[in-house]
Amino acid sequence: MAIQKLKPGRAAGANGIIPELLLHSGPTVAGQLQQLFAAIWRNETDWLLGVILPFWKKGPKDVCSN
């Protein structure tokens, strides 16, 4: 299973979950995650929609290449 291949001592991902949390969570959490991911794949069309937000950093705001 992919959870067993995680390396401890690494930084948390974008979700804020550190590898140790998943490594020591046990089979119950792994099963729940499997069900969640299976549901996501079954309803994949919902995941194709998104909102794109531009973030201005510097320079003129009306120039798209900024």
PDB file of N, CA and C in Angstrom:
ATOM      1  N   MET A   1       0.840  -1.168   0.000  1.00  0.00           N
ATOM      2  CA  MET A   1       0.000   0.000   0.000  1.00  0.00           C
ATOM      3  C   MET A   1       0.891   1.239   0.000  1.00  0.00           C
ATOM      4  N   ALA A   2       0.430   2.299  -0.634  1.00  0.00           N
ATOM      5  CA  ALA A   2       1.219   3.527  -0.782  1.00  0.00           C
ATOM      6  C   ALA A   2       1.524   4.185   0.561  1.00  0.00           C
ATOM      7  N   ILE A   3       0.636   4.057   1.529  1.00  0.00           N
ATOM      8  CA  ILE A   3       0.865   4.678   2.841  1.00  0.00           C
ATOM      9  C   ILE A   3       2.131   4.124   3.482  1.00  0.00           C
ATOM     10  N   GLN A   4       2.382   2.847   3.320  1.00  0.00           N
ATOM     11  CA  GLN A   4       3.565   2.223   3.919  1.00  0.00           C
ATOM     12  C   GLN A   4       4.862   2.702   3.282  1.00  0.00           C
ATOM     13  N   LYS A   5       4.783   3.296   2.099  1.00  0.00           N
ATOM     14  CA  LYS A   5       5.973   3.786   1.408  1.00  0.00           C
ATOM     15  C   LYS A   5       6.322   5.227   1.782  1.00  0.00           C
ATOM     16  N   LEU A   6       5.476   5.866   2.590  1.00  0.00           N
ATOM     17  CA  LEU A   6       5.759   7.241   3.012  1.00  0.00           C
ATOM     18  C   LEU A   6       7.000   7.281   3.895  1.00  0.00           C
ATOM     19  N   LYS A   7       7.768   8.354   3.769  1.00  0.00           N
ATOM     20  CA  LYS A   7       8.986   8.503   4.561  1.00  0.00           C
ATOM     21  C   LYS A   7       8.717   9.434   5.740  1.00  0.00           C
ATOM     22  N   PRO A   8       8.989   8.982   6.965  1.00  0.00           N
ATOM     23  CA  PRO A   8       8.771   9.847   8.132  1.00  0.00           C
ATOM     24  C   PRO A   8       9.768  11.002   8.145  1.00  0.00           C
ATOM     25  N   GLY A   9       9.403  12.059   8.839  1.00  0.00           N
ATOM     26  CA  GLY A   9      10.288  13.209   8.971  1.00  0.00           C
ATOM     27  C   GLY A   9      10.162  14.218   7.848  1.00  0.00           C
ATOM     28  N   ARG A  10       9.236  13.998   6.952  1.00  0.00           N
ATOM     29  CA  ARG A  10       9.035  14.927   5.841  1.00  0.00           C
ATOM     30  C   ARG A  10       8.028  15.997   6.248  1.00  0.00           C
ATOM     31  N   ALA A  11       8.031  17.088   5.521  1.00  0.00           N
ATOM     32  CA  ALA A  11       7.101  18.182   5.786  1.00  0.00           C
ATOM     33  C   ALA A  11       5.685  17.773   5.380  1.00  0.00           C
ATOM     34  N   ALA A  12       4.725  18.447   5.969  1.00  0.00           N
ATOM     35  CA  ALA A  12       3.326  18.211   5.624  1.00  0.00           C
ATOM     36  C   ALA A  12       3.065  18.678   4.200  1.00  0.00           C
ATOM     37  N   GLY A  13       2.094  18.054   3.579  1.00  0.00           N
ATOM     38  CA  GLY A  13       1.701  18.462   2.237  1.00  0.00           C
ATOM     39  C   GLY A  13       0.781  19.671   2.290  1.00  0.00           C
ATOM     40  N   ALA A  14       0.181  20.012   1.162  1.00  0.00           N
ATOM     41  CA  ALA A  14      -0.731  21.153   1.081  1.00  0.00           C
ATOM     42  C   ALA A  14      -1.943  20.967   1.993  1.00  0.00           C
ATOM     43  N   ASN A  15      -2.267  19.721   2.298  1.00  0.00           N
ATOM     44  CA  ASN A  15      -3.408  19.427   3.165  1.00  0.00           C
ATOM     45  C   ASN A  15      -3.065  19.519   4.650  1.00  0.00           C
ATOM     46  N   GLY A  16      -1.791  19.725   4.973  1.00  0.00           N
ATOM     47  CA  GLY A  16      -1.374  19.854   6.366  1.00  0.00           C
ATOM     48  C   GLY A  16      -1.148  18.537   7.082  1.00  0.00           C
ATOM     49  N   ILE A  17      -1.237  17.427   6.380  1.00  0.00           N
ATOM     50  CA  ILE A  17      -1.082  16.109   6.999  1.00  0.00           C
ATOM     51  C   ILE A  17       0.371  15.660   6.888  1.00  0.00           C
ATOM     52  N   ILE A  18       0.973  15.328   8.018  1.00  0.00           N
ATOM     53  CA  ILE A  18       2.348  14.843   8.014  1.00  0.00           C
ATOM     54  C   ILE A  18       2.352  13.332   7.767  1.00  0.00           C
ATOM     55  N   PRO A  19       3.425  12.802   7.167  1.00  0.00           N
ATOM     56  CA  PRO A  19       3.471  11.369   6.857  1.00  0.00           C
ATOM     57  C   PRO A  19       3.261  10.471   8.077  1.00  0.00           C
ATOM     58  N   GLU A  20       3.785  10.874   9.236  1.00  0.00           N
ATOM     59  CA  GLU A  20       3.656  10.043  10.434  1.00  0.00           C
ATOM     60  C   GLU A  20       2.196   9.802  10.810  1.00  0.00           C
ATOM     61  N   LEU A  21       1.354  10.788  10.567  1.00  0.00           N
ATOM     62  CA  LEU A  21      -0.068  10.636  10.889  1.00  0.00           C
ATOM     63  C   LEU A  21      -0.671   9.480  10.097  1.00  0.00           C
ATOM     64  N   LEU A  22      -0.350   9.401   8.822  1.00  0.00           N
ATOM     65  CA  LEU A  22      -0.871   8.312   7.998  1.00  0.00           C
ATOM     66  C   LEU A  22      -0.183   6.990   8.306  1.00  0.00           C
ATOM     67  N   LEU A  23       1.127   7.038   8.562  1.00  0.00           N
ATOM     68  CA  LEU A  23       1.872   5.811   8.848  1.00  0.00           C
ATOM     69  C   LEU A  23       1.376   5.107  10.110  1.00  0.00           C
ATOM     70  N   HIS A  24       0.979   5.870  11.112  1.00  0.00           N
ATOM     71  CA  HIS A  24       0.577   5.297  12.398  1.00  0.00           C
ATOM     72  C   HIS A  24      -0.938   5.283  12.606  1.00  0.00           C
ATOM     73  N   SER A  25      -1.696   5.616  11.563  1.00  0.00           N
ATOM     74  CA  SER A  25      -3.147   5.712  11.719  1.00  0.00           C
ATOM     75  C   SER A  25      -3.849   4.359  11.716  1.00  0.00           C
ATOM     76  N   GLY A  26      -3.245   3.356  11.117  1.00  0.00           N
ATOM     77  CA  GLY A  26      -3.839   2.025  11.134  1.00  0.00           C
ATOM     78  C   GLY A  26      -4.752   1.757   9.957  1.00  0.00           C
ATOM     79  N   PRO A  27      -5.263   0.528   9.888  1.00  0.00           N
ATOM     80  CA  PRO A  27      -6.065   0.105   8.738  1.00  0.00           C
ATOM     81  C   PRO A  27      -7.427   0.788   8.642  1.00  0.00           C
ATOM     82  N   THR A  28      -7.967   1.263   9.750  1.00  0.00           N
ATOM     83  CA  THR A  28      -9.276   1.919   9.700  1.00  0.00           C
ATOM     84  C   THR A  28      -9.210   3.187   8.867  1.00  0.00           C
ATOM     85  N   VAL A  29      -8.207   4.012   9.128  1.00  0.00           N
ATOM     86  CA  VAL A  29      -8.057   5.258   8.372  1.00  0.00           C
ATOM     87  C   VAL A  29      -7.732   4.952   6.915  1.00  0.00           C
ATOM     88  N   ALA A  30      -6.882   3.967   6.677  1.00  0.00           N
ATOM     89  CA  ALA A  30      -6.537   3.591   5.301  1.00  0.00           C
ATOM     90  C   ALA A  30      -7.788   3.163   4.538  1.00  0.00           C
ATOM     91  N   GLY A  31      -8.655   2.407   5.179  1.00  0.00           N
ATOM     92  CA  GLY A  31      -9.900   1.983   4.540  1.00  0.00           C
ATOM     93  C   GLY A  31     -10.817   3.151   4.236  1.00  0.00           C
ATOM     94  N   GLN A  32     -10.900   4.091   5.163  1.00  0.00           N
ATOM     95  CA  GLN A  32     -11.730   5.275   4.944  1.00  0.00           C
ATOM     96  C   GLN A  32     -11.184   6.124   3.799  1.00  0.00           C
ATOM     97  N   LEU A  33      -9.868   6.265   3.741  1.00  0.00           N
ATOM     98  CA  LEU A  33      -9.258   7.010   2.636  1.00  0.00           C
ATOM     99  C   LEU A  33      -9.517   6.318   1.303  1.00  0.00           C
ATOM    100  N   GLN A  34      -9.452   4.995   1.298  1.00  0.00           N
ATOM    101  CA  GLN A  34      -9.714   4.242   0.067  1.00  0.00           C
ATOM    102  C   GLN A  34     -11.141   4.487  -0.412  1.00  0.00           C
ATOM    103  N   GLN A  35     -12.089   4.494   0.507  1.00  0.00           N
ATOM    104  CA  GLN A  35     -13.483   4.748   0.140  1.00  0.00           C
ATOM    105  C   GLN A  35     -13.663   6.167  -0.390  1.00  0.00           C
ATOM    106  N   LEU A  36     -12.990   7.122   0.233  1.00  0.00           N
ATOM    107  CA  LEU A  36     -13.068   8.510  -0.220  1.00  0.00           C
ATOM    108  C   LEU A  36     -12.530   8.648  -1.639  1.00  0.00           C
ATOM    109  N   PHE A  37     -11.348   8.087  -1.888  1.00  0.00           N
ATOM    110  CA  PHE A  37     -10.754   8.201  -3.216  1.00  0.00           C
ATOM    111  C   PHE A  37     -11.576   7.458  -4.265  1.00  0.00           C
ATOM    112  N   ALA A  38     -12.162   6.329  -3.898  1.00  0.00           N
ATOM    113  CA  ALA A  38     -13.021   5.596  -4.834  1.00  0.00           C
ATOM    114  C   ALA A  38     -14.239   6.439  -5.211  1.00  0.00           C
ATOM    115  N   ALA A  39     -14.815   7.135  -4.234  1.00  0.00           N
ATOM    116  CA  ALA A  39     -15.964   7.999  -4.509  1.00  0.00           C
ATOM    117  C   ALA A  39     -15.570   9.160  -5.418  1.00  0.00           C
ATOM    118  N   ILE A  40     -14.381   9.691  -5.204  1.00  0.00           N
ATOM    119  CA  ILE A  40     -13.902  10.785  -6.053  1.00  0.00           C
ATOM    120  C   ILE A  40     -13.763  10.306  -7.494  1.00  0.00           C
ATOM    121  N   TRP A  41     -13.195   9.120  -7.698  1.00  0.00           N
ATOM    122  CA  TRP A  41     -13.021   8.598  -9.052  1.00  0.00           C
ATOM    123  C   TRP A  41     -14.357   8.271  -9.705  1.00  0.00           C
ATOM    124  N   ARG A  42     -15.339   7.813  -8.925  1.00  0.00           N
ATOM    125  CA  ARG A  42     -16.661   7.510  -9.488  1.00  0.00           C
ATOM    126  C   ARG A  42     -17.344   8.776  -9.979  1.00  0.00           C
ATOM    127  N   ASN A  43     -17.139   9.877  -9.293  1.00  0.00           N
ATOM    128  CA  ASN A  43     -17.795  11.145  -9.618  1.00  0.00           C
ATOM    129  C   ASN A  43     -16.795  12.138 -10.192  1.00  0.00           C
ATOM    130  N   GLU A  44     -15.940  11.662 -11.061  1.00  0.00           N
ATOM    131  CA  GLU A  44     -14.827  12.481 -11.525  1.00  0.00           C
ATOM    132  C   GLU A  44     -15.255  13.736 -12.276  1.00  0.00           C
ATOM    133  N   THR A  45     -16.454  13.738 -12.865  1.00  0.00           N
ATOM    134  CA  THR A  45     -16.863  14.928 -13.611  1.00  0.00           C
ATOM    135  C   THR A  45     -16.969  16.145 -12.702  1.00  0.00           C
ATOM    136  N   ASP A  46     -17.341  15.950 -11.455  1.00  0.00           N
ATOM    137  CA  ASP A  46     -17.410  17.073 -10.516  1.00  0.00           C
ATOM    138  C   ASP A  46     -16.036  17.678 -10.267  1.00  0.00           C
ATOM    139  N   TRP A  47     -14.990  16.882 -10.401  1.00  0.00           N
ATOM    140  CA  TRP A  47     -13.635  17.358 -10.129  1.00  0.00           C
ATOM    141  C   TRP A  47     -13.019  18.043 -11.339  1.00  0.00           C
ATOM    142  N   LEU A  48     -13.709  18.023 -12.483  1.00  0.00           N
ATOM    143  CA  LEU A  48     -13.198  18.692 -13.671  1.00  0.00           C
ATOM    144  C   LEU A  48     -13.531  20.176 -13.685  1.00  0.00           C
ATOM    145  N   LEU A  49     -14.444  20.586 -12.831  1.00  0.00           N
ATOM    146  CA  LEU A  49     -14.833  21.990 -12.761  1.00  0.00           C
ATOM    147  C   LEU A  49     -13.965  22.710 -11.748  1.00  0.00           C
ATOM    148  N   GLY A  50     -13.642  23.930 -12.041  1.00  0.00           N
ATOM    149  CA  GLY A  50     -12.818  24.684 -11.106  1.00  0.00           C
ATOM    150  C   GLY A  50     -12.925  26.174 -11.370  1.00  0.00           C
ATOM    151  N   VAL A  51     -12.380  26.925 -10.489  1.00  0.00           N
ATOM    152  CA  VAL A  51     -12.344  28.373 -10.605  1.00  0.00           C
ATOM    153  C   VAL A  51     -10.884  28.783 -10.689  1.00  0.00           C
ATOM    154  N   ILE A  52     -10.557  29.551 -11.707  1.00  0.00           N
ATOM    155  CA  ILE A  52      -9.191  30.034 -11.870  1.00  0.00           C
ATOM    156  C   ILE A  52      -9.149  31.490 -11.429  1.00  0.00           C
ATOM    157  N   LEU A  53      -8.291  31.771 -10.485  1.00  0.00           N
ATOM    158  CA  LEU A  53      -8.145  33.130  -9.977  1.00  0.00           C
ATOM    159  C   LEU A  53      -6.761  33.661 -10.314  1.00  0.00           C
ATOM    160  N   PRO A  54      -6.695  34.807 -10.986  1.00  0.00           N
ATOM    161  CA  PRO A  54      -5.383  35.386 -11.263  1.00  0.00           C
ATOM    162  C   PRO A  54      -4.831  36.079 -10.018  1.00  0.00           C
ATOM    163  N   PHE A  55      -3.539  35.954  -9.812  1.00  0.00           N
ATOM    164  CA  PHE A  55      -2.881  36.623  -8.694  1.00  0.00           C
ATOM    165  C   PHE A  55      -1.877  37.617  -9.247  1.00  0.00           C
ATOM    166  N   TRP A  56      -2.113  38.872  -8.995  1.00  0.00           N
ATOM    167  CA  TRP A  56      -1.218  39.923  -9.441  1.00  0.00           C
ATOM    168  C   TRP A  56      -0.032  39.999  -8.503  1.00  0.00           C
ATOM    169  N   LYS A  57       1.159  40.077  -9.058  1.00  0.00           N
ATOM    170  CA  LYS A  57       2.366  40.160  -8.241  1.00  0.00           C
ATOM    171  C   LYS A  57       2.972  41.548  -8.303  1.00  0.00           C
ATOM    172  N   LYS A  58       3.315  41.995  -9.508  1.00  0.00           N
ATOM    173  CA  LYS A  58       3.881  43.331  -9.657  1.00  0.00           C
ATOM    174  C   LYS A  58       3.733  43.768 -11.103  1.00  0.00           C
ATOM    175  N   GLY A  59       3.958  45.013 -11.352  1.00  0.00           N
ATOM    176  CA  GLY A  59       3.806  45.567 -12.687  1.00  0.00           C
ATOM    177  C   GLY A  59       2.372  45.988 -12.942  1.00  0.00           C
ATOM    178  N   PRO A  60       2.098  46.471 -14.149  1.00  0.00           N
ATOM    179  CA  PRO A  60       0.741  46.934 -14.472  1.00  0.00           C
ATOM    180  C   PRO A  60      -0.273  45.785 -14.403  1.00  0.00           C
ATOM    181  N   LYS A  61      -1.381  46.036 -13.756  1.00  0.00           N
ATOM    182  CA  LYS A  61      -2.399  44.992 -13.596  1.00  0.00           C
ATOM    183  C   LYS A  61      -3.123  44.669 -14.902  1.00  0.00           C
ATOM    184  N   ASP A  62      -3.068  45.573 -15.871  1.00  0.00           N
ATOM    185  CA  ASP A  62      -3.779  45.335 -17.123  1.00  0.00           C
ATOM    186  C   ASP A  62      -2.937  44.588 -18.162  1.00  0.00           C
ATOM    187  N   VAL A  63      -1.724  44.186 -17.811  1.00  0.00           N
ATOM    188  CA  VAL A  63      -0.862  43.421 -18.715  1.00  0.00           C
ATOM    189  C   VAL A  63      -0.897  41.957 -18.274  1.00  0.00           C
ATOM    190  N   CYS A  64      -1.457  41.097 -19.115  1.00  0.00           N
ATOM    191  CA  CYS A  64      -1.660  39.692 -18.736  1.00  0.00           C
ATOM    192  C   CYS A  64      -0.361  38.937 -18.496  1.00  0.00           C
ATOM    193  N   SER A  65       0.727  39.346 -19.098  1.00  0.00           N
ATOM    194  CA  SER A  65       1.990  38.621 -18.924  1.00  0.00           C
ATOM    195  C   SER A  65       2.606  38.842 -17.547  1.00  0.00           C
ATOM    196  N   ASN A  66       2.049  39.736 -16.765  1.00  0.00           N
ATOM    197  CA  ASN A  66       2.557  39.949 -15.404  1.00  0.00           C
ATOM    198  C   ASN A  66       2.005  38.865 -14.529  1.00  0.00           C
TER     199      ASN A  66
END
